[in-house]
C-alpha atoms as a PDB file:
ATOM      1  CA  MET A   1     -49.439 -53.328 -15.623  1.00  0.00           C
ATOM      2  CA  THR A   2     -52.138 -53.860 -13.014  1.00  0.00           C
ATOM      3  CA  THR A   3     -55.064 -51.471 -13.170  1.00  0.00           C
ATOM      4  CA  THR A   4     -57.263 -50.281 -10.322  1.00  0.00           C
ATOM      5  CA  ALA A   5     -60.965 -49.576 -10.640  1.00  0.00           C
ATOM      6  CA  LEU A   6     -62.365 -46.393  -9.144  1.00  0.00           C
ATOM      7  CA  ASP A   7     -65.878 -46.602  -7.758  1.00  0.00           C
ATOM      8  CA  ARG A   8     -68.542 -43.906  -7.569  1.00  0.00           C
ATOM      9  CA  ILE A   9     -67.327 -42.645  -4.193  1.00  0.00           C
ATOM     10  CA  ASP A  10     -63.736 -42.307  -5.450  1.00  0.00           C
ATOM     11  CA  ILE A  11     -64.966 -40.275  -8.408  1.00  0.00           C
ATOM     12  CA  LYS A  12     -67.128 -38.103  -6.154  1.00  0.00           C
ATOM     13  CA  ILE A  13     -64.071 -37.402  -4.010  1.00  0.00           C
ATOM     14  CA  LEU A  14     -62.056 -36.440  -7.079  1.00  0.00           C
ATOM     15  CA  ASN A  15     -64.778 -34.157  -8.408  1.00  0.00           C
ATOM     16  CA  GLU A  16     -65.074 -32.388  -5.066  1.00  0.00           C
ATOM     17  CA  LEU A  17     -61.320 -31.882  -4.790  1.00  0.00           C
ATOM     18  CA  GLN A  18     -61.111 -30.640  -8.372  1.00  0.00           C
ATOM     19  CA  GLN A  19     -63.592 -27.928  -7.490  1.00  0.00           C
ATOM     20  CA  ASN A  20     -61.983 -27.039  -4.149  1.00  0.00           C
ATOM     21  CA  ALA A  21     -58.747 -28.697  -3.046  1.00  0.00           C
ATOM     22  CA  SER A  22     -58.738 -26.732   0.219  1.00  0.00           C
ATOM     23  CA  LEU A  23     -61.620 -28.738   1.684  1.00  0.00           C
ATOM     24  CA  THR A  24     -60.808 -30.290   5.035  1.00  0.00           C
ATOM     25  CA  ASN A  25     -61.151 -34.031   5.333  1.00  0.00           C
ATOM     26  CA  VAL A  26     -64.258 -33.569   7.502  1.00  0.00           C
ATOM     27  CA  GLU A  27     -65.866 -31.293   4.901  1.00  0.00           C
ATOM     28  CA  LEU A  28     -64.964 -33.668   2.086  1.00  0.00           C
ATOM     29  CA  ALA A  29     -66.312 -36.692   3.957  1.00  0.00           C
ATOM     30  CA  SER A  30     -69.612 -34.914   4.544  1.00  0.00           C
ATOM     31  CA  ARG A  31     -69.990 -34.079   0.850  1.00  0.00           C
ATOM     32  CA  VAL A  32     -69.436 -37.680  -0.284  1.00  0.00           C
ATOM     33  CA  ASN A  33     -71.435 -39.240   2.560  1.00  0.00           C
ATOM     34  CA  LEU A  34     -68.546 -40.978   4.297  1.00  0.00           C
ATOM     35  CA  SER A  35     -67.159 -40.817   7.793  1.00  0.00           C
ATOM     36  CA  PRO A  36     -63.789 -38.970   8.016  1.00  0.00           C
ATOM     37  CA  SER A  37     -61.555 -42.019   8.537  1.00  0.00           C
ATOM     38  CA  PRO A  38     -62.498 -44.012   5.396  1.00  0.00           C
ATOM     39  CA  CYS A  39     -62.626 -40.783   3.382  1.00  0.00           C
ATOM     40  CA  LEU A  40     -59.035 -39.970   4.331  1.00  0.00           C
ATOM     41  CA  ALA A  41     -57.969 -43.523   3.485  1.00  0.00           C
ATOM     42  CA  ARG A  42     -59.481 -43.200   0.015  1.00  0.00           C
ATOM     43  CA  VAL A  43     -57.761 -39.859  -0.595  1.00  0.00           C
ATOM     44  CA  ARG A  44     -54.407 -41.319   0.413  1.00  0.00           C
ATOM     45  CA  THR A  45     -54.955 -44.281  -1.909  1.00  0.00           C
ATOM     46  CA  LEU A  46     -55.759 -41.907  -4.790  1.00  0.00           C
ATOM     47  CA  GLU A  47     -52.555 -40.022  -4.058  1.00  0.00           C
ATOM     48  CA  LYS A  48     -50.481 -43.219  -4.012  1.00  0.00           C
ATOM     49  CA  LEU A  49     -51.998 -44.271  -7.329  1.00  0.00           C
ATOM     50  CA  GLY A  50     -50.952 -40.937  -8.831  1.00  0.00           C
ATOM     51  CA  VAL A  51     -54.544 -39.981  -9.652  1.00  0.00           C
ATOM     52  CA  ILE A  52     -54.117 -36.913  -7.431  1.00  0.00           C
ATOM     53  CA  ASP A  53     -50.890 -35.423  -8.734  1.00  0.00           C
ATOM     54  CA  ARG A  54     -50.684 -32.475  -6.339  1.00  0.00           C
ATOM     55  CA  ARG A  55     -52.837 -29.723  -4.870  1.00  0.00           C
ATOM     56  CA  ILE A  56     -52.329 -26.150  -6.011  1.00  0.00           C
ATOM     57  CA  ALA A  57     -53.738 -22.664  -5.563  1.00  0.00           C
ATOM     58  CA  VAL A  58     -55.094 -21.058  -8.747  1.00  0.00           C
ATOM     59  CA  LEU A  59     -54.138 -17.402  -8.775  1.00  0.00           C
ATOM     60  CA  ASP A  60     -55.945 -14.539 -10.496  1.00  0.00           C
ATOM     61  CA  PRO A  61     -53.539 -13.165 -13.134  1.00  0.00           C
ATOM     62  CA  ALA A  62     -55.487  -9.905 -13.512  1.00  0.00           C
ATOM     63  CA  VAL A  63     -54.916  -9.082  -9.854  1.00  0.00           C
ATOM     64  CA  LEU A  64     -51.207  -9.826 -10.296  1.00  0.00           C
ATOM     65  CA  GLY A  65     -50.938  -7.690 -13.435  1.00  0.00           C
ATOM     66  CA  ILE A  66     -50.320 -10.582 -15.828  1.00  0.00           C
ATOM     67  CA  GLY A  67     -52.625  -9.412 -18.583  1.00  0.00           C
ATOM     68  CA  VAL A  68     -51.359 -10.865 -21.874  1.00  0.00           C
ATOM     69  CA  THR A  69     -51.747 -14.444 -23.101  1.00  0.00           C
ATOM     70  CA  ALA A  70     -50.150 -15.554 -26.359  1.00  0.00           C
ATOM     71  CA  PHE A  71     -49.843 -18.801 -28.281  1.00  0.00           C
ATOM     72  CA  ILE A  72     -46.482 -19.303 -29.931  1.00  0.00           C
ATOM     73  CA  GLN A  73     -45.616 -21.827 -32.641  1.00  0.00           C
ATOM     74  CA  VAL A  74     -41.983 -22.857 -32.819  1.00  0.00           C
ATOM     75  CA  LYS A  75     -40.219 -24.732 -35.604  1.00  0.00           C
ATOM     76  CA  LEU A  76     -36.807 -26.325 -35.151  1.00  0.00           C
ATOM     77  CA  GLU A  77     -34.065 -26.683 -37.743  1.00  0.00           C
ATOM     78  CA  ARG A  78     -33.962 -30.440 -37.101  1.00  0.00           C
ATOM     79  CA  GLN A  79     -36.232 -32.883 -35.323  1.00  0.00           C
ATOM     80  CA  ALA A  80     -33.420 -35.088 -34.064  1.00  0.00           C
ATOM     81  CA  GLN A  81     -33.791 -36.293 -30.486  1.00  0.00           C
ATOM     82  CA  PRO A  82     -30.891 -34.184 -29.110  1.00  0.00           C
ATOM     83  CA  SER A  83     -32.512 -31.033 -30.565  1.00  0.00           C
ATOM     84  CA  LEU A  84     -35.884 -31.884 -29.036  1.00  0.00           C
ATOM     85  CA  GLU A  85     -34.338 -32.578 -25.634  1.00  0.00           C
ATOM     86  CA  SER A  86     -32.292 -29.382 -25.722  1.00  0.00           C
ATOM     87  CA  PHE A  87     -35.366 -27.308 -26.571  1.00  0.00           C
ATOM     88  CA  THR A  88     -37.342 -28.951 -23.763  1.00  0.00           C
ATOM     89  CA  ARG A  89     -34.657 -28.100 -21.210  1.00  0.00           C
ATOM     90  CA  SER A  90     -34.565 -24.483 -22.388  1.00  0.00           C
ATOM     91  CA  ILE A  91     -38.358 -24.119 -22.211  1.00  0.00           C
ATOM     92  CA  ASP A  92     -38.452 -25.561 -18.701  1.00  0.00           C
ATOM     93  CA  ARG A  93     -36.346 -22.613 -17.551  1.00  0.00           C
ATOM     94  CA  LEU A  94     -38.824 -20.004 -18.851  1.00  0.00           C
ATOM     95  CA  GLY A  95     -41.407 -19.208 -16.185  1.00  0.00           C
ATOM     96  CA  GLU A  96     -43.666 -17.403 -18.665  1.00  0.00           C
ATOM     97  CA  VAL A  97     -44.303 -20.645 -20.577  1.00  0.00           C
ATOM     98  CA  MET A  98     -47.408 -22.113 -18.959  1.00  0.00           C
ATOM     99  CA  GLU A  99     -47.783 -25.037 -21.357  1.00  0.00           C
ATOM    100  CA  CYS A 100     -45.684 -26.580 -24.115  1.00  0.00           C
ATOM    101  CA  TYR A 101     -46.834 -29.245 -26.574  1.00  0.00           C
ATOM    102  CA  LEU A 102     -44.933 -31.247 -29.175  1.00  0.00           C
ATOM    103  CA  MET A 103     -47.158 -31.034 -32.241  1.00  0.00           C
ATOM    104  CA  THR A 104     -47.846 -32.663 -35.572  1.00  0.00           C
ATOM    105  CA  GLY A 105     -47.996 -30.472 -38.670  1.00  0.00           C
ATOM    106  CA  ASP A 106     -45.744 -27.708 -39.939  1.00  0.00           C
ATOM    107  CA  ASN A 107     -44.551 -26.517 -36.534  1.00  0.00           C
ATOM    108  CA  ASP A 108     -42.849 -28.599 -33.889  1.00  0.00           C
ATOM    109  CA  TYR A 109     -44.101 -26.940 -30.690  1.00  0.00           C
ATOM    110  CA  LEU A 110     -47.049 -24.931 -29.448  1.00  0.00           C
ATOM    111  CA  LEU A 111     -46.509 -22.758 -26.366  1.00  0.00           C
ATOM    112  CA  ARG A 112     -49.015 -20.924 -24.206  1.00  0.00           C
ATOM    113  CA  VAL A 113     -47.295 -18.031 -22.493  1.00  0.00           C
ATOM    114  CA  MET A 114     -48.438 -15.391 -20.031  1.00  0.00           C
ATOM    115  CA  VAL A 115     -46.738 -12.036 -19.545  1.00  0.00           C
ATOM    116  CA  SER A 116     -47.498  -8.665 -18.020  1.00  0.00           C
ATOM    117  CA  ASP A 117     -47.625  -6.608 -21.211  1.00  0.00           C
ATOM    118  CA  ILE A 118     -46.689  -6.430 -24.890  1.00  0.00           C
ATOM    119  CA  GLU A 119     -43.149  -5.301 -24.128  1.00  0.00           C
ATOM    120  CA  ALA A 120     -42.617  -8.367 -21.948  1.00  0.00           C
ATOM    121  CA  LEU A 121     -43.923 -10.590 -24.741  1.00  0.00           C
ATOM    122  CA  GLU A 122     -41.546  -9.022 -27.232  1.00  0.00           C
ATOM    123  CA  ASP A 123     -38.641  -9.514 -24.833  1.00  0.00           C
ATOM    124  CA  LEU A 124     -39.584 -13.171 -24.353  1.00  0.00           C
ATOM    125  CA  ILE A 125     -39.747 -13.834 -28.095  1.00  0.00           C
ATOM    126  CA  VAL A 126     -36.834 -11.758 -29.351  1.00  0.00           C
ATOM    127  CA  ASN A 127     -34.341 -12.042 -26.517  1.00  0.00           C
ATOM    128  CA  ARG A 128     -34.986 -15.529 -25.175  1.00  0.00           C
ATOM    129  CA  LEU A 129     -37.016 -17.850 -27.394  1.00  0.00           C
ATOM    130  CA  SER A 130     -35.236 -16.858 -30.587  1.00  0.00           C
ATOM    131  CA  ARG A 131     -31.862 -17.434 -28.926  1.00  0.00           C
ATOM    132  CA  ILE A 132     -32.556 -21.086 -28.128  1.00  0.00           C
ATOM    133  CA  THR A 133     -30.207 -23.266 -30.162  1.00  0.00           C
ATOM    134  CA  GLY A 134     -31.906 -24.985 -33.073  1.00  0.00           C
ATOM    135  CA  VAL A 135     -34.954 -22.695 -33.378  1.00  0.00           C
ATOM    136  CA  SER A 136     -35.575 -21.791 -37.016  1.00  0.00           C
ATOM    137  CA  SER A 137     -38.847 -19.833 -36.835  1.00  0.00           C
ATOM    138  CA  ILE A 138     -41.325 -18.424 -34.317  1.00  0.00           C
ATOM    139  CA  ARG A 139     -44.909 -17.408 -35.021  1.00  0.00           C
ATOM    140  CA  SER A 140     -47.059 -15.796 -32.335  1.00  0.00           C
ATOM    141  CA  ASN A 141     -50.790 -15.159 -31.880  1.00  0.00           C
ATOM    142  CA  LEU A 142     -52.327 -12.957 -29.214  1.00  0.00           C
ATOM    143  CA  ALA A 143     -55.407 -14.110 -27.352  1.00  0.00           C
ATOM    144  CA  LEU A 144     -57.996 -11.331 -27.453  1.00  0.00           C
ATOM    145  CA  LYS A 145     -60.400 -12.825 -24.949  1.00  0.00           C
ATOM    146  CA  ARG A 146     -60.635 -15.999 -22.929  1.00  0.00           C
ATOM    147  CA  ILE A 147     -63.906 -17.738 -23.765  1.00  0.00           C
ATOM    148  CA  SER A 148     -63.542 -20.853 -21.627  1.00  0.00           C
ATOM    149  CA  HIS A 149     -60.997 -22.242 -19.216  1.00  0.00           C
ATOM    150  CA  LYS A 150     -61.331 -25.371 -17.109  1.00  0.00           C
ATOM    151  CA  THR A 151     -59.118 -27.194 -14.680  1.00  0.00           C
ATOM    152  CA  VAL A 152     -61.680 -29.908 -13.872  1.00  0.00           C
ATOM    153  CA  LEU A 153     -61.245 -33.174 -15.781  1.00  0.00           C
ATOM    154  CA  PRO A 154     -64.514 -34.695 -17.045  1.00  0.00           C
ATOM    155  CA  ILE A 155     -64.909 -37.850 -14.956  1.00  0.00           C
ATOM    156  CA  ASP A 156     -68.439 -39.253 -14.732  1.00  0.00           C
ATOM    157  CA  THR A 157     -69.681 -41.123 -11.661  1.00  0.00           C
ATOM    158  CA  ASN A 158     -71.873 -43.213 -13.976  1.00  0.00           C
ATOM    159  CA  ARG A 159     -68.966 -44.591 -15.996  1.00  0.00           C
ATOM    160  CA  PRO A 160     -66.296 -47.019 -14.732  1.00  0.00           C
ATOM    161  CA  VAL A 161     -62.768 -45.643 -14.523  1.00  0.00           C
ATOM    162  CA  GLN A 162     -59.649 -47.810 -14.640  1.00  0.00           C
ATOM    163  CA  VAL A 163     -56.344 -46.268 -13.571  1.00  0.00           C
ATOM    164  CA  LYS A 164     -52.776 -47.491 -13.859  1.00  0.00           C
ATOM    165  CA  PRO A 165     -50.588 -46.862 -10.804  1.00  0.00           C
ATOM    166  CA  CYS A 166     -48.046 -44.093 -11.332  1.00  0.00           C
ATOM    167  CA  SER A 167     -44.546 -45.513 -11.657  1.00  0.00           C
ATOM    168  CA  SER A 168     -41.995 -44.478  -9.051  1.00  0.00           C
ATOM    169  CA  SER A 169     -39.762 -42.960 -11.748  1.00  0.00           C
ATOM    170  CA  ARG A 170     -42.494 -40.485 -12.674  1.00  0.00           C
ATOM    171  CA  ARG A 171     -42.909 -39.394  -9.051  1.00  0.00           C
ATOM    172  CA  LEU A 172     -39.303 -38.811  -8.045  1.00  0.00           C
ATOM    173  CA  ASP A 173     -39.495 -35.087  -8.730  1.00  0.00           C
ATOM    174  CA  ARG A 174     -42.926 -34.492  -7.190  1.00  0.00           C
ATOM    175  CA  PRO A 175     -42.758 -31.523  -4.815  1.00  0.00           C
ATOM    176  CA  ALA A 176     -43.290 -32.321  -1.149  1.00  0.00           C
ATOM    177  CA  LYS A 177     -45.247 -29.107  -0.616  1.00  0.00           C
ATOM    178  CA  PRO A 178     -48.154 -27.640  -2.623  1.00  0.00           C
ATOM    179  CA  GLN A 179     -47.079 -25.743  -5.696  1.00  0.00           C
ATOM    180  CA  TYR A 180     -48.793 -22.586  -6.805  1.00  0.00           C
ATOM    181  CA  ASP A 181     -49.815 -21.926 -10.373  1.00  0.00           C
ATOM    182  CA  ALA A 182     -51.610 -19.179 -12.302  1.00  0.00           C
ATOM    183  CA  SER A 183     -54.676 -19.741 -14.397  1.00  0.00           C
ATOM    184  CA  PRO A 184     -54.642 -18.273 -17.907  1.00  0.00           C
ATOM    185  CA  GLN A 185     -56.190 -14.904 -18.602  1.00  0.00           C
ATOM    186  CA  ALA A 186     -56.391 -13.417 -22.044  1.00  0.00           C
ATOM    187  CA  ARG A 187     -57.352  -9.757 -21.650  1.00  0.00           C
ATOM    188  CA  ILE A 188     -55.136  -7.313 -23.528  1.00  0.00           C
ATOM    189  CA  ASP A 189     -55.121  -3.529 -23.425  1.00  0.00           C
ATOM    190  CA  GLY A 190     -53.490  -2.776 -26.720  1.00  0.00           C
ATOM    191  CA  GLY A 191     -52.370  -4.088 -30.071  1.00  0.00           C
ATOM    192  CA  MET A 192     -49.150  -5.499 -31.427  1.00  0.00           C
ATOM    193  CA  ASN A 193     -47.901  -6.335 -34.857  1.00  0.00           C
ATOM    194  CA  LEU A 194     -48.383 -10.069 -34.308  1.00  0.00           C
ATOM    195  CA  GLU A 195     -50.647 -12.455 -36.131  1.00  0.00           C
ATOM    196  CA  THR A 196     -54.078 -13.100 -34.640  1.00  0.00           C
ATOM    197  CA  SER A 197     -57.015 -14.886 -36.134  1.00  0.00           C
ATOM    198  CA  ARG A 198     -59.233 -11.796 -36.018  1.00  0.00           C
ATOM    199  CA  ILE A 199     -58.056  -8.228 -36.239  1.00  0.00           C
ATOM    200  CA  LEU A 200     -54.338  -7.634 -35.859  1.00  0.00           C
ATOM    201  CA  PRO A 201     -52.162  -7.300 -38.979  1.00  0.00           C
ATOM    202  CA  GLY A 202     -48.840  -8.932 -39.727  1.00  0.00           C
ATOM    203  CA  ASP A 203     -47.659 -12.534 -39.783  1.00  0.00           C
ATOM    204  CA  GLY A 204     -46.216 -12.492 -36.271  1.00  0.00           C
ATOM    205  CA  GLN A 205     -43.078 -14.281 -37.414  1.00  0.00           C
ATOM    206  CA  TYR A 206     -39.730 -13.588 -35.806  1.00  0.00           C
ATOM    207  CA  PRO A 207     -36.289 -14.557 -37.077  1.00  0.00           C
ATOM    208  CA  SER A 208     -34.446 -17.172 -35.082  1.00  0.00           C
ATOM    209  CA  SER A 209     -31.201 -15.229 -35.139  1.00  0.00           C
ATOM    210  CA  LEU A 210     -30.539 -11.654 -34.198  1.00  0.00           C
ATOM    211  CA  PRO A 211     -28.195  -9.211 -35.915  1.00  0.00           C
END
């Protein structure tokens, strides 16, 4: 597949937009020392290449009352492809799941979820996650405090960057309008009998089937 090289100006544009995607084209052009017309052309090229996936607004979860972040490890009964695909479809329907990773090791998936309170977390685990077909065990860990969170990818203007154009099949479901997402926030106001790496007791493990 043909690759495209990004120059220093392209990378400057990307770094500026990563910090503030609401910049107007005139503001962006001024910051990267271009006139507006060639700046806009570069941005459109970066979008066509798939380097710029979409532009979003990062919301403050504390203001919205979403105060609990948890990391949940999920193990499936089988790792056959149909089971993996079925689990993926089920997770896609859960708005509280901010990220989901297929993992190596003892557990198959790692989820980062955000909910309003401990009761909402319990409902998510007991009444929805544990009911997904093929789930054999669930282990959860509460985040006590967020130490670092970044949305800016580390791209250096002093290093060459080669990109592969995004295939059309990957872009069929791209939203036409900006999508809005919430950044993670890990403050909690109480305890729960779930496993954490510091102070909360219990193993945080839930059965996959309910009585």
